[in-house]
Structure formats: C-alpha cells, structure tokens
Amino acid sequence: MVTAGYNTIMLLSLLFQNPILFLLVAIALVISISLHEFAHAYMADRLGDSTARDMGRVTLNPLAHLDPLGTVLLLVAGFGWGKPVPFNPMYLKNPKRDAALISVAGPLSNFLLASGAAILFRLSSGAPLFSSFFYFVVFFNLILGFFNLIPLHPLDGFKVVYGLLSDDLAMQWGQIAPYGIYILLLLVVTRSLSMVLNPLVFWALGVLGVG
C-alpha cells in the first residue's frame, strides 16, 4: 500500500506554471508507486508466497499497481494510494519475520529510487528542467518512503514493527491495529503529519546532497 501526504498547493501551482514539469512529476509519481508495490510483490514471491505473482503483481507495469481513485487524489489532493499487494502468511516459512520483510521492501525501493535520482539531479545541474524533475523524484520518494514507515496500520511500518517484536509483544501490538487508520486520518486532517515527515525529508535531502 502506498499513501502519501504532501504540499498540494505546490503541485497544483506547478500544473499551471509549468505543465510540462507537472507531467514529468506525475510520471515520476506513477513510477514510484509502481516500484513500491512491485517491491512488495517481488519480496513476497522470493519468500515463497506466489499470491502476488498469480495476480500479475510481480511486474513494473503501472496498470497492475495503480488504483484509479488513489492516483487521481495523489495528484490533486496530496493524499492517495496504490493497490495493496496481498500475501498469504501460510506460504511463508517465518510469517512474522517475512511479513516485515515484505512490508519494508516497498519503502526501501523508494529510498533507492530517491538515491539514484539524487545522483542524476547533481549531474543535470546545467539543465533546469531535468534538475527540477529529478529533485521532485527525490522529494516525493522520500515522502513515500518515510510515510509508509510510520508504525500505524495499515502502513508498512506497522508490520515492520510487528516483525521485530517478540511473540508476546507482537500480539499486544497487533491489538492496536484497528485504531491506526483513525490516528492516521487525524494526523492528515490536522496537518500534524508534516511535523513528523518534514524533519526526516529535509534531513535526507541534505544527506543526498539535494537540499
């Protein structure tokens, strides 16, 4: 699952100020979402669960991963999602650990893409359009990566924490899952999410030499 919140005004103003760059950013977001969901599916397949492969999800084809409504909202409302990748714990050798590995694969793919785009950003410093494009690729992938690592259900971070805990603690952790979506919505509505994400994103931009 991919959800993200970001500065909608910035993206919408980009649509009117530079439609070409907006199109490039939209393409970057589609690629980022597709890579994120592919990473989940690929990891599940490597760990022995063919559920995602049987559903045609072990592919980089955006059509297999994009949710129409979630994609539109991501572009115009600053909050959206891709199709969640299903997996069956019964096919995993170590369900708790492997579920965490499947979950963390998505955010890690975003961080890898951000790192690659950061290199291209520095190489394209003499071409403003391309450097702006690569900056947005870095920026949005950092948001997607960090957002999905927030330890609230249904985000990836919840399952990652679950996999790291002992069995007893994991059982207690799982009991708070139903409340995660409400806490998440509260963070989005009150814009408190930026207080969590902004320091992480701008720290990472600095580390990558993009800030």
N, C-alpha and C. Protein backbone atom coordinates (compact mmCIF):
# COMPACT_ATOMS: atom_id res chain seq x y z
N MET A 1 0.85 -1.19 0.00
CA MET A 1 0.00 0.00 0.00
C MET A 1 0.88 1.24 0.00
N VAL A 2 0.50 2.23 -0.80
CA VAL A 2 1.23 3.49 -0.82
C VAL A 2 0.26 4.61 -0.52
N THR A 3 0.54 5.35 0.51
CA THR A 3 -0.21 6.57 0.77
C THR A 3 0.77 7.67 1.00
N ALA A 4 0.37 8.87 0.72
CA ALA A 4 1.31 9.97 0.92
C ALA A 4 0.57 11.27 1.11
N GLY A 5 1.13 12.11 1.94
CA GLY A 5 0.61 13.46 2.09
C GLY A 5 1.73 14.43 1.78
N TYR A 6 1.46 15.48 1.02
CA TYR A 6 2.49 16.44 0.71
C TYR A 6 1.85 17.78 0.41
N ASN A 7 2.65 18.77 0.02
CA ASN A 7 2.17 20.12 -0.22
C ASN A 7 1.39 20.16 -1.52
N THR A 8 0.07 20.08 -1.43
CA THR A 8 -0.77 20.05 -2.61
C THR A 8 -0.70 21.35 -3.38
N ILE A 9 -0.60 22.47 -2.67
CA ILE A 9 -0.55 23.77 -3.34
C ILE A 9 0.65 23.83 -4.26
N MET A 10 1.78 23.28 -3.82
CA MET A 10 2.99 23.29 -4.63
C MET A 10 2.77 22.54 -5.93
N LEU A 11 2.16 21.38 -5.86
CA LEU A 11 1.97 20.56 -7.05
C LEU A 11 0.93 21.16 -7.98
N LEU A 12 -0.16 21.68 -7.42
CA LEU A 12 -1.20 22.28 -8.25
C LEU A 12 -0.70 23.56 -8.91
N SER A 13 0.11 24.35 -8.20
CA SER A 13 0.67 25.55 -8.81
C SER A 13 1.62 25.18 -9.94
N LEU A 14 2.30 24.06 -9.79
CA LEU A 14 3.19 23.57 -10.83
C LEU A 14 2.40 23.24 -12.10
N LEU A 15 1.19 22.73 -11.94
CA LEU A 15 0.34 22.39 -13.08
C LEU A 15 0.08 23.61 -13.95
N PHE A 16 -0.13 24.77 -13.33
CA PHE A 16 -0.45 25.98 -14.09
C PHE A 16 0.80 26.75 -14.52
N GLN A 17 1.86 26.64 -13.73
CA GLN A 17 3.07 27.39 -14.05
C GLN A 17 3.95 26.68 -15.07
N ASN A 18 4.01 25.36 -14.96
CA ASN A 18 4.87 24.59 -15.86
C ASN A 18 4.24 23.22 -16.11
N PRO A 19 3.27 23.14 -17.03
CA PRO A 19 2.55 21.88 -17.28
C PRO A 19 3.48 20.74 -17.68
N ILE A 20 4.56 21.06 -18.39
CA ILE A 20 5.49 20.00 -18.81
C ILE A 20 6.15 19.36 -17.59
N LEU A 21 6.61 20.20 -16.67
CA LEU A 21 7.23 19.66 -15.46
C LEU A 21 6.21 18.91 -14.62
N PHE A 22 4.98 19.43 -14.57
CA PHE A 22 3.91 18.73 -13.84
C PHE A 22 3.72 17.33 -14.42
N LEU A 23 3.72 17.22 -15.74
CA LEU A 23 3.56 15.92 -16.39
C LEU A 23 4.71 14.99 -16.02
N LEU A 24 5.93 15.53 -16.00
CA LEU A 24 7.08 14.72 -15.64
C LEU A 24 6.98 14.25 -14.18
N VAL A 25 6.51 15.13 -13.30
CA VAL A 25 6.35 14.76 -11.90
C VAL A 25 5.27 13.70 -11.75
N ALA A 26 4.16 13.84 -12.52
CA ALA A 26 3.10 12.85 -12.48
C ALA A 26 3.64 11.49 -12.92
N ILE A 27 4.47 11.49 -13.95
CA ILE A 27 5.08 10.25 -14.41
C ILE A 27 5.98 9.67 -13.32
N ALA A 28 6.73 10.55 -12.66
CA ALA A 28 7.62 10.10 -11.59
C ALA A 28 6.83 9.47 -10.46
N LEU A 29 5.68 10.06 -10.12
CA LEU A 29 4.85 9.50 -9.05
C LEU A 29 4.29 8.14 -9.44
N VAL A 30 3.88 8.00 -10.70
CA VAL A 30 3.37 6.71 -11.18
C VAL A 30 4.46 5.65 -11.10
N ILE A 31 5.67 6.03 -11.53
CA ILE A 31 6.80 5.10 -11.46
C ILE A 31 7.09 4.73 -10.00
N SER A 32 7.05 5.70 -9.12
CA SER A 32 7.38 5.48 -7.71
C SER A 32 6.38 4.53 -7.06
N ILE A 33 5.10 4.75 -7.32
CA ILE A 33 4.07 3.87 -6.78
C ILE A 33 4.22 2.46 -7.31
N SER A 34 4.45 2.36 -8.62
CA SER A 34 4.58 1.04 -9.25
C SER A 34 5.78 0.29 -8.70
N LEU A 35 6.89 1.00 -8.52
CA LEU A 35 8.09 0.36 -7.98
C LEU A 35 7.85 -0.10 -6.55
N HIS A 36 7.17 0.73 -5.77
CA HIS A 36 6.87 0.40 -4.37
C HIS A 36 6.06 -0.89 -4.28
N GLU A 37 4.99 -0.98 -5.06
CA GLU A 37 4.14 -2.16 -4.99
C GLU A 37 4.84 -3.39 -5.60
N PHE A 38 5.62 -3.17 -6.67
CA PHE A 38 6.40 -4.26 -7.25
C PHE A 38 7.35 -4.85 -6.22
N ALA A 39 7.99 -3.97 -5.42
CA ALA A 39 8.94 -4.44 -4.42
C ALA A 39 8.26 -5.34 -3.40
N HIS A 40 7.05 -4.96 -2.97
CA HIS A 40 6.28 -5.83 -2.07
C HIS A 40 6.03 -7.19 -2.71
N ALA A 41 5.55 -7.16 -3.95
CA ALA A 41 5.19 -8.41 -4.65
C ALA A 41 6.42 -9.27 -4.89
N TYR A 42 7.51 -8.65 -5.29
CA TYR A 42 8.74 -9.40 -5.58
C TYR A 42 9.27 -10.07 -4.32
N MET A 43 9.28 -9.34 -3.22
CA MET A 43 9.78 -9.90 -1.97
C MET A 43 8.91 -11.06 -1.50
N ALA A 44 7.59 -10.91 -1.60
CA ALA A 44 6.68 -12.00 -1.22
C ALA A 44 6.95 -13.23 -2.07
N ASP A 45 7.15 -13.01 -3.36
CA ASP A 45 7.41 -14.13 -4.27
C ASP A 45 8.73 -14.82 -3.92
N ARG A 46 9.75 -14.03 -3.60
CA ARG A 46 11.05 -14.61 -3.25
C ARG A 46 10.99 -15.39 -1.94
N LEU A 47 10.07 -15.00 -1.06
CA LEU A 47 9.95 -15.67 0.23
C LEU A 47 9.01 -16.87 0.20
N GLY A 48 8.53 -17.21 -1.00
CA GLY A 48 7.76 -18.44 -1.15
C GLY A 48 6.27 -18.29 -1.33
N ASP A 49 5.76 -17.07 -1.30
CA ASP A 49 4.33 -16.86 -1.48
C ASP A 49 4.05 -16.38 -2.90
N SER A 50 3.36 -17.17 -3.68
CA SER A 50 3.11 -16.85 -5.09
C SER A 50 1.79 -16.10 -5.30
N THR A 51 1.15 -15.67 -4.22
CA THR A 51 -0.14 -14.99 -4.33
C THR A 51 -0.06 -13.78 -5.25
N ALA A 52 0.92 -12.92 -5.02
CA ALA A 52 1.06 -11.71 -5.84
C ALA A 52 1.40 -12.06 -7.28
N ARG A 53 2.27 -13.06 -7.49
CA ARG A 53 2.61 -13.46 -8.86
C ARG A 53 1.39 -13.98 -9.58
N ASP A 54 0.58 -14.79 -8.91
CA ASP A 54 -0.63 -15.34 -9.53
C ASP A 54 -1.61 -14.24 -9.93
N MET A 55 -1.53 -13.09 -9.25
CA MET A 55 -2.42 -11.97 -9.55
C MET A 55 -1.78 -10.98 -10.52
N GLY A 56 -0.61 -11.33 -11.03
CA GLY A 56 0.05 -10.48 -12.00
C GLY A 56 0.69 -9.24 -11.41
N ARG A 57 1.08 -9.30 -10.15
CA ARG A 57 1.62 -8.11 -9.47
C ARG A 57 3.15 -8.07 -9.46
N VAL A 58 3.81 -9.15 -9.85
CA VAL A 58 5.28 -9.12 -9.90
C VAL A 58 5.68 -8.53 -11.25
N THR A 59 5.41 -7.26 -11.42
CA THR A 59 5.67 -6.56 -12.66
C THR A 59 5.82 -5.07 -12.37
N LEU A 60 6.52 -4.37 -13.24
CA LEU A 60 6.66 -2.92 -13.11
C LEU A 60 5.60 -2.18 -13.91
N ASN A 61 4.70 -2.92 -14.54
CA ASN A 61 3.62 -2.31 -15.31
C ASN A 61 2.70 -1.52 -14.38
N PRO A 62 2.62 -0.20 -14.53
CA PRO A 62 1.78 0.61 -13.63
C PRO A 62 0.33 0.18 -13.59
N LEU A 63 -0.19 -0.37 -14.68
CA LEU A 63 -1.60 -0.76 -14.72
C LEU A 63 -1.92 -1.84 -13.69
N ALA A 64 -0.90 -2.59 -13.29
CA ALA A 64 -1.12 -3.66 -12.31
C ALA A 64 -1.16 -3.13 -10.88
N HIS A 65 -0.66 -1.92 -10.68
CA HIS A 65 -0.49 -1.42 -9.31
C HIS A 65 -1.27 -0.16 -8.97
N LEU A 66 -1.71 0.59 -9.97
CA LEU A 66 -2.35 1.87 -9.69
C LEU A 66 -3.83 1.69 -9.38
N ASP A 67 -4.26 2.36 -8.34
CA ASP A 67 -5.68 2.47 -8.04
C ASP A 67 -6.16 3.78 -8.67
N PRO A 68 -7.15 3.73 -9.58
CA PRO A 68 -7.56 4.95 -10.30
C PRO A 68 -7.87 6.12 -9.38
N LEU A 69 -8.72 5.90 -8.38
CA LEU A 69 -9.09 6.98 -7.48
C LEU A 69 -7.90 7.43 -6.65
N GLY A 70 -7.13 6.48 -6.14
CA GLY A 70 -5.97 6.82 -5.32
C GLY A 70 -4.94 7.63 -6.09
N THR A 71 -4.76 7.33 -7.38
CA THR A 71 -3.78 8.05 -8.20
C THR A 71 -4.24 9.48 -8.47
N VAL A 72 -5.52 9.64 -8.80
CA VAL A 72 -6.06 10.98 -9.05
C VAL A 72 -5.94 11.84 -7.80
N LEU A 73 -6.31 11.28 -6.65
CA LEU A 73 -6.24 12.04 -5.41
C LEU A 73 -4.81 12.39 -5.05
N LEU A 74 -3.88 11.50 -5.38
CA LEU A 74 -2.47 11.77 -5.09
C LEU A 74 -2.00 13.00 -5.84
N LEU A 75 -2.51 13.18 -7.08
CA LEU A 75 -2.08 14.30 -7.91
C LEU A 75 -2.79 15.60 -7.57
N VAL A 76 -4.05 15.52 -7.14
CA VAL A 76 -4.82 16.75 -6.95
C VAL A 76 -5.14 17.06 -5.50
N ALA A 77 -5.04 16.08 -4.63
CA ALA A 77 -5.41 16.32 -3.23
C ALA A 77 -4.26 16.11 -2.26
N GLY A 78 -3.12 15.59 -2.77
CA GLY A 78 -1.97 15.40 -1.90
C GLY A 78 -2.05 14.17 -1.02
N PHE A 79 -3.03 13.30 -1.27
CA PHE A 79 -3.19 12.09 -0.47
C PHE A 79 -3.77 11.01 -1.37
N GLY A 80 -3.09 9.88 -1.46
CA GLY A 80 -3.58 8.83 -2.35
C GLY A 80 -2.98 7.50 -2.01
N TRP A 81 -3.17 6.52 -2.88
CA TRP A 81 -2.72 5.17 -2.59
C TRP A 81 -2.63 4.34 -3.88
N GLY A 82 -1.91 3.25 -3.78
CA GLY A 82 -1.86 2.26 -4.84
C GLY A 82 -2.60 1.02 -4.37
N LYS A 83 -2.74 0.03 -5.25
CA LYS A 83 -3.41 -1.21 -4.87
C LYS A 83 -2.53 -1.98 -3.90
N PRO A 84 -3.04 -2.34 -2.74
CA PRO A 84 -2.24 -3.15 -1.79
C PRO A 84 -1.87 -4.49 -2.41
N VAL A 85 -0.68 -4.94 -2.12
CA VAL A 85 -0.22 -6.25 -2.60
C VAL A 85 -0.59 -7.30 -1.57
N PRO A 86 -1.41 -8.28 -1.94
CA PRO A 86 -1.80 -9.31 -0.98
C PRO A 86 -0.71 -10.37 -0.81
N PHE A 87 -0.63 -10.94 0.38
CA PHE A 87 0.24 -12.10 0.57
C PHE A 87 -0.42 -13.01 1.60
N ASN A 88 -0.08 -14.28 1.52
CA ASN A 88 -0.69 -15.29 2.38
C ASN A 88 0.36 -15.80 3.37
N PRO A 89 0.23 -15.49 4.66
CA PRO A 89 1.22 -15.92 5.65
C PRO A 89 1.41 -17.44 5.69
N MET A 90 0.41 -18.19 5.25
CA MET A 90 0.52 -19.66 5.28
C MET A 90 1.65 -20.16 4.40
N TYR A 91 2.03 -19.39 3.38
CA TYR A 91 3.07 -19.82 2.46
C TYR A 91 4.46 -19.33 2.87
N LEU A 92 4.54 -18.59 3.96
CA LEU A 92 5.82 -18.05 4.41
C LEU A 92 6.44 -18.96 5.47
N LYS A 93 7.74 -19.16 5.39
CA LYS A 93 8.43 -20.02 6.35
C LYS A 93 8.40 -19.43 7.75
N ASN A 94 8.60 -18.15 7.83
CA ASN A 94 8.56 -17.45 9.12
C ASN A 94 7.60 -16.27 8.95
N PRO A 95 6.29 -16.50 9.14
CA PRO A 95 5.28 -15.49 8.81
C PRO A 95 5.52 -14.11 9.41
N LYS A 96 5.90 -14.03 10.67
CA LYS A 96 6.07 -12.73 11.32
C LYS A 96 7.27 -11.99 10.74
N ARG A 97 8.39 -12.68 10.63
CA ARG A 97 9.59 -12.04 10.08
C ARG A 97 9.41 -11.71 8.61
N ASP A 98 8.88 -12.67 7.84
CA ASP A 98 8.76 -12.47 6.40
C ASP A 98 7.74 -11.39 6.06
N ALA A 99 6.70 -11.26 6.86
CA ALA A 99 5.72 -10.18 6.63
C ALA A 99 6.40 -8.82 6.80
N ALA A 100 7.32 -8.74 7.76
CA ALA A 100 8.06 -7.49 7.97
C ALA A 100 8.98 -7.20 6.78
N LEU A 101 9.62 -8.25 6.24
CA LEU A 101 10.50 -8.07 5.08
C LEU A 101 9.70 -7.64 3.85
N ILE A 102 8.54 -8.23 3.67
CA ILE A 102 7.68 -7.85 2.54
C ILE A 102 7.26 -6.39 2.69
N SER A 103 6.93 -6.00 3.89
CA SER A 103 6.45 -4.64 4.14
C SER A 103 7.55 -3.60 3.95
N VAL A 104 8.76 -3.89 4.44
CA VAL A 104 9.83 -2.90 4.37
C VAL A 104 10.38 -2.78 2.95
N ALA A 105 10.13 -3.76 2.10
CA ALA A 105 10.65 -3.72 0.73
C ALA A 105 10.12 -2.52 -0.04
N GLY A 106 8.85 -2.15 0.20
CA GLY A 106 8.27 -1.02 -0.52
C GLY A 106 8.97 0.29 -0.22
N PRO A 107 9.04 0.70 1.05
CA PRO A 107 9.75 1.94 1.38
C PRO A 107 11.22 1.93 0.95
N LEU A 108 11.88 0.78 1.08
CA LEU A 108 13.28 0.71 0.67
C LEU A 108 13.43 0.99 -0.82
N SER A 109 12.48 0.54 -1.62
CA SER A 109 12.54 0.80 -3.06
C SER A 109 12.44 2.30 -3.33
N ASN A 110 11.63 2.99 -2.53
CA ASN A 110 11.52 4.44 -2.70
C ASN A 110 12.82 5.15 -2.33
N PHE A 111 13.47 4.68 -1.27
CA PHE A 111 14.74 5.29 -0.87
C PHE A 111 15.84 5.04 -1.91
N LEU A 112 15.82 3.85 -2.52
CA LEU A 112 16.79 3.55 -3.57
C LEU A 112 16.56 4.43 -4.80
N LEU A 113 15.30 4.61 -5.17
CA LEU A 113 14.98 5.46 -6.31
C LEU A 113 15.37 6.91 -6.01
N ALA A 114 15.11 7.36 -4.79
CA ALA A 114 15.49 8.71 -4.40
C ALA A 114 17.01 8.90 -4.48
N SER A 115 17.75 7.88 -4.06
CA SER A 115 19.22 7.97 -4.10
C SER A 115 19.72 8.06 -5.54
N GLY A 116 19.14 7.24 -6.42
CA GLY A 116 19.54 7.29 -7.83
C GLY A 116 19.18 8.62 -8.47
N ALA A 117 17.99 9.13 -8.15
CA ALA A 117 17.57 10.41 -8.71
C ALA A 117 18.43 11.56 -8.19
N ALA A 118 18.93 11.43 -6.96
CA ALA A 118 19.79 12.47 -6.39
C ALA A 118 21.09 12.58 -7.19
N ILE A 119 21.62 11.45 -7.62
CA ILE A 119 22.84 11.46 -8.45
C ILE A 119 22.55 12.16 -9.79
N LEU A 120 21.41 11.81 -10.40
CA LEU A 120 21.04 12.43 -11.67
C LEU A 120 20.76 13.91 -11.51
N PHE A 121 20.24 14.29 -10.34
CA PHE A 121 19.99 15.71 -10.05
C PHE A 121 21.31 16.50 -10.10
N ARG A 122 22.33 15.95 -9.49
CA ARG A 122 23.61 16.65 -9.47
C ARG A 122 24.26 16.68 -10.86
N LEU A 123 24.05 15.61 -11.62
CA LEU A 123 24.62 15.55 -12.97
C LEU A 123 23.91 16.47 -13.95
N SER A 124 22.67 16.83 -13.64
CA SER A 124 21.88 17.65 -14.57
C SER A 124 21.77 19.10 -14.12
N SER A 125 22.74 19.55 -13.34
CA SER A 125 22.66 20.91 -12.77
C SER A 125 22.60 21.99 -13.84
N GLY A 126 23.11 21.70 -15.04
CA GLY A 126 23.09 22.70 -16.11
C GLY A 126 21.82 22.71 -16.92
N ALA A 127 20.89 21.80 -16.61
CA ALA A 127 19.62 21.70 -17.34
C ALA A 127 18.48 21.86 -16.34
N PRO A 128 17.93 23.08 -16.19
CA PRO A 128 16.94 23.37 -15.13
C PRO A 128 15.73 22.45 -15.14
N LEU A 129 15.21 22.12 -16.32
CA LEU A 129 14.01 21.28 -16.38
C LEU A 129 14.29 19.90 -15.81
N PHE A 130 15.41 19.31 -16.22
CA PHE A 130 15.73 17.97 -15.75
C PHE A 130 16.13 17.97 -14.27
N SER A 131 16.86 18.99 -13.84
CA SER A 131 17.25 19.03 -12.43
C SER A 131 16.02 19.20 -11.54
N SER A 132 15.05 20.00 -12.01
CA SER A 132 13.80 20.16 -11.25
C SER A 132 13.05 18.84 -11.19
N PHE A 133 13.03 18.14 -12.32
CA PHE A 133 12.34 16.85 -12.37
C PHE A 133 12.96 15.87 -11.39
N PHE A 134 14.28 15.75 -11.42
CA PHE A 134 14.94 14.79 -10.53
C PHE A 134 14.81 15.20 -9.07
N TYR A 135 14.76 16.52 -8.82
CA TYR A 135 14.53 16.97 -7.44
C TYR A 135 13.18 16.46 -6.94
N PHE A 136 12.14 16.59 -7.76
CA PHE A 136 10.81 16.14 -7.35
C PHE A 136 10.77 14.62 -7.17
N VAL A 137 11.51 13.91 -8.01
CA VAL A 137 11.58 12.45 -7.86
C VAL A 137 12.16 12.11 -6.48
N VAL A 138 13.24 12.79 -6.13
CA VAL A 138 13.85 12.57 -4.82
C VAL A 138 12.87 12.94 -3.71
N PHE A 139 12.29 14.12 -3.82
CA PHE A 139 11.41 14.65 -2.79
C PHE A 139 10.22 13.73 -2.53
N PHE A 140 9.51 13.35 -3.59
CA PHE A 140 8.31 12.55 -3.41
C PHE A 140 8.62 11.12 -2.96
N ASN A 141 9.74 10.58 -3.42
CA ASN A 141 10.09 9.23 -2.98
C ASN A 141 10.50 9.20 -1.52
N LEU A 142 11.13 10.27 -1.05
CA LEU A 142 11.44 10.34 0.37
C LEU A 142 10.16 10.42 1.19
N ILE A 143 9.20 11.20 0.71
CA ILE A 143 7.92 11.28 1.41
C ILE A 143 7.24 9.91 1.44
N LEU A 144 7.18 9.25 0.28
CA LEU A 144 6.54 7.94 0.21
C LEU A 144 7.23 6.94 1.13
N GLY A 145 8.56 6.97 1.13
CA GLY A 145 9.30 6.03 1.96
C GLY A 145 9.08 6.26 3.44
N PHE A 146 9.26 7.49 3.89
CA PHE A 146 9.10 7.78 5.31
C PHE A 146 7.65 7.64 5.77
N PHE A 147 6.71 8.09 4.92
CA PHE A 147 5.30 7.99 5.29
C PHE A 147 4.91 6.55 5.54
N ASN A 148 5.32 5.67 4.64
CA ASN A 148 4.92 4.27 4.77
C ASN A 148 5.60 3.56 5.93
N LEU A 149 6.65 4.16 6.47
CA LEU A 149 7.32 3.55 7.63
C LEU A 149 6.72 4.02 8.96
N ILE A 150 5.75 4.92 8.91
CA ILE A 150 5.07 5.30 10.15
C ILE A 150 4.38 4.05 10.72
N PRO A 151 4.61 3.74 11.98
CA PRO A 151 4.10 2.48 12.55
C PRO A 151 2.62 2.52 12.93
N LEU A 152 1.78 2.78 11.94
CA LEU A 152 0.33 2.77 12.13
C LEU A 152 -0.29 1.88 11.07
N HIS A 153 -1.19 1.03 11.47
CA HIS A 153 -1.93 0.22 10.50
C HIS A 153 -2.82 1.16 9.68
N PRO A 154 -2.89 1.03 8.34
CA PRO A 154 -2.41 -0.07 7.51
C PRO A 154 -1.07 0.20 6.82
N LEU A 155 -0.27 1.10 7.32
CA LEU A 155 1.00 1.42 6.68
C LEU A 155 2.02 0.30 6.92
N ASP A 156 3.05 0.30 6.07
CA ASP A 156 4.06 -0.77 6.12
C ASP A 156 4.78 -0.80 7.46
N GLY A 157 4.99 0.37 8.04
CA GLY A 157 5.74 0.43 9.29
C GLY A 157 5.12 -0.37 10.42
N PHE A 158 3.81 -0.52 10.40
CA PHE A 158 3.13 -1.29 11.45
C PHE A 158 3.59 -2.74 11.41
N LYS A 159 3.63 -3.33 10.21
CA LYS A 159 4.06 -4.74 10.08
C LYS A 159 5.55 -4.90 10.33
N VAL A 160 6.33 -3.86 10.00
CA VAL A 160 7.77 -3.93 10.26
C VAL A 160 8.02 -4.02 11.76
N VAL A 161 7.36 -3.16 12.54
CA VAL A 161 7.50 -3.20 13.99
C VAL A 161 7.00 -4.54 14.53
N TYR A 162 5.88 -5.02 14.01
CA TYR A 162 5.31 -6.31 14.43
C TYR A 162 6.35 -7.42 14.25
N GLY A 163 7.06 -7.40 13.14
CA GLY A 163 8.04 -8.45 12.88
C GLY A 163 9.26 -8.38 13.76
N LEU A 164 9.55 -7.21 14.31
CA LEU A 164 10.73 -7.04 15.15
C LEU A 164 10.48 -7.38 16.61
N LEU A 165 9.22 -7.44 17.01
CA LEU A 165 8.88 -7.68 18.40
C LEU A 165 8.86 -9.17 18.74
N SER A 166 8.99 -9.47 20.01
CA SER A 166 8.83 -10.85 20.47
C SER A 166 7.38 -11.26 20.26
N ASP A 167 7.11 -12.55 20.33
CA ASP A 167 5.76 -13.04 20.05
C ASP A 167 4.72 -12.41 20.99
N ASP A 168 5.07 -12.30 22.27
CA ASP A 168 4.12 -11.73 23.23
C ASP A 168 3.84 -10.26 22.94
N LEU A 169 4.92 -9.51 22.69
CA LEU A 169 4.75 -8.08 22.40
C LEU A 169 4.06 -7.87 21.06
N ALA A 170 4.37 -8.75 20.10
CA ALA A 170 3.74 -8.64 18.79
C ALA A 170 2.23 -8.84 18.88
N MET A 171 1.82 -9.76 19.75
CA MET A 171 0.39 -9.99 19.93
C MET A 171 -0.29 -8.74 20.50
N GLN A 172 0.36 -8.10 21.46
CA GLN A 172 -0.18 -6.87 22.02
C GLN A 172 -0.18 -5.74 20.99
N TRP A 173 0.88 -5.68 20.19
CA TRP A 173 0.98 -4.66 19.15
C TRP A 173 -0.14 -4.82 18.12
N GLY A 174 -0.44 -6.06 17.78
CA GLY A 174 -1.49 -6.31 16.80
C GLY A 174 -2.87 -5.86 17.26
N GLN A 175 -3.06 -5.78 18.56
CA GLN A 175 -4.37 -5.40 19.08
C GLN A 175 -4.70 -3.93 18.85
N ILE A 176 -3.68 -3.11 18.57
CA ILE A 176 -3.96 -1.68 18.33
C ILE A 176 -4.17 -1.39 16.85
N ALA A 177 -4.08 -2.40 16.01
CA ALA A 177 -4.24 -2.20 14.57
C ALA A 177 -5.52 -1.49 14.18
N PRO A 178 -6.69 -1.84 14.77
CA PRO A 178 -7.94 -1.19 14.34
C PRO A 178 -7.96 0.33 14.54
N TYR A 179 -7.12 0.84 15.43
CA TYR A 179 -7.13 2.27 15.73
C TYR A 179 -6.18 3.06 14.83
N GLY A 180 -5.34 2.35 14.09
CA GLY A 180 -4.32 3.01 13.29
C GLY A 180 -4.88 3.95 12.25
N ILE A 181 -5.89 3.53 11.53
CA ILE A 181 -6.45 4.34 10.45
C ILE A 181 -7.05 5.63 10.99
N TYR A 182 -7.63 5.57 12.19
CA TYR A 182 -8.23 6.77 12.77
C TYR A 182 -7.15 7.77 13.21
N ILE A 183 -6.07 7.24 13.77
CA ILE A 183 -4.95 8.10 14.16
C ILE A 183 -4.33 8.73 12.92
N LEU A 184 -4.20 7.92 11.87
CA LEU A 184 -3.61 8.40 10.63
C LEU A 184 -4.46 9.52 10.02
N LEU A 185 -5.76 9.31 9.97
CA LEU A 185 -6.66 10.33 9.43
C LEU A 185 -6.61 11.61 10.26
N LEU A 186 -6.49 11.46 11.57
CA LEU A 186 -6.39 12.62 12.46
C LEU A 186 -5.12 13.41 12.15
N LEU A 187 -4.01 12.70 11.93
CA LEU A 187 -2.75 13.35 11.59
C LEU A 187 -2.84 14.10 10.28
N VAL A 188 -3.55 13.50 9.31
CA VAL A 188 -3.69 14.14 8.00
C VAL A 188 -4.58 15.36 8.09
N VAL A 189 -5.73 15.21 8.74
CA VAL A 189 -6.70 16.30 8.82
C VAL A 189 -6.14 17.50 9.59
N THR A 190 -5.41 17.23 10.65
CA THR A 190 -4.86 18.32 11.47
C THR A 190 -3.51 18.82 10.96
N ARG A 191 -3.05 18.22 9.86
CA ARG A 191 -1.76 18.58 9.25
C ARG A 191 -0.59 18.34 10.20
N SER A 192 -0.80 17.51 11.20
CA SER A 192 0.28 17.16 12.12
C SER A 192 1.31 16.26 11.44
N LEU A 193 0.91 15.66 10.33
CA LEU A 193 1.79 14.75 9.63
C LEU A 193 3.08 15.44 9.20
N SER A 194 2.97 16.71 8.81
CA SER A 194 4.15 17.45 8.37
C SER A 194 5.18 17.60 9.48
N MET A 195 4.72 17.62 10.72
CA MET A 195 5.64 17.73 11.85
C MET A 195 6.49 16.48 11.98
N VAL A 196 5.96 15.37 11.50
CA VAL A 196 6.69 14.10 11.54
C VAL A 196 7.57 13.95 10.30
N LEU A 197 7.00 14.25 9.14
CA LEU A 197 7.69 13.97 7.88
C LEU A 197 8.73 15.03 7.51
N ASN A 198 8.41 16.31 7.69
CA ASN A 198 9.30 17.36 7.20
C ASN A 198 10.73 17.25 7.72
N PRO A 199 10.94 17.07 9.04
CA PRO A 199 12.33 16.95 9.51
C PRO A 199 13.07 15.77 8.87
N LEU A 200 12.39 14.65 8.69
CA LEU A 200 13.02 13.48 8.08
C LEU A 200 13.35 13.72 6.62
N VAL A 201 12.39 14.29 5.88
CA VAL A 201 12.58 14.52 4.45
C VAL A 201 13.72 15.51 4.21
N PHE A 202 13.73 16.62 4.93
CA PHE A 202 14.76 17.63 4.69
C PHE A 202 16.12 17.18 5.20
N TRP A 203 16.14 16.35 6.24
CA TRP A 203 17.41 15.74 6.66
C TRP A 203 17.95 14.85 5.55
N ALA A 204 17.08 14.02 4.96
CA ALA A 204 17.51 13.10 3.90
C ALA A 204 17.93 13.87 2.65
N LEU A 205 17.23 14.96 2.33
CA LEU A 205 17.64 15.79 1.18
C LEU A 205 19.06 16.30 1.37
N GLY A 206 19.38 16.69 2.61
CA GLY A 206 20.72 17.16 2.89
C GLY A 206 21.75 16.05 2.75
N VAL A 207 21.41 14.87 3.26
CA VAL A 207 22.33 13.73 3.16
C VAL A 207 22.61 13.37 1.71
N LEU A 208 21.56 13.45 0.88
CA LEU A 208 21.69 13.10 -0.54
C LEU A 208 22.29 14.22 -1.38
N GLY A 209 22.53 15.35 -0.75
CA GLY A 209 23.13 16.47 -1.48
C GLY A 209 22.16 17.19 -2.38
N VAL A 210 20.87 17.12 -2.04
CA VAL A 210 19.85 17.74 -2.88
C VAL A 210 19.26 18.96 -2.18
N GLY A 211 19.34 19.00 -0.86
CA GLY A 211 18.73 20.08 -0.10
C GLY A 211 19.45 21.41 -0.28
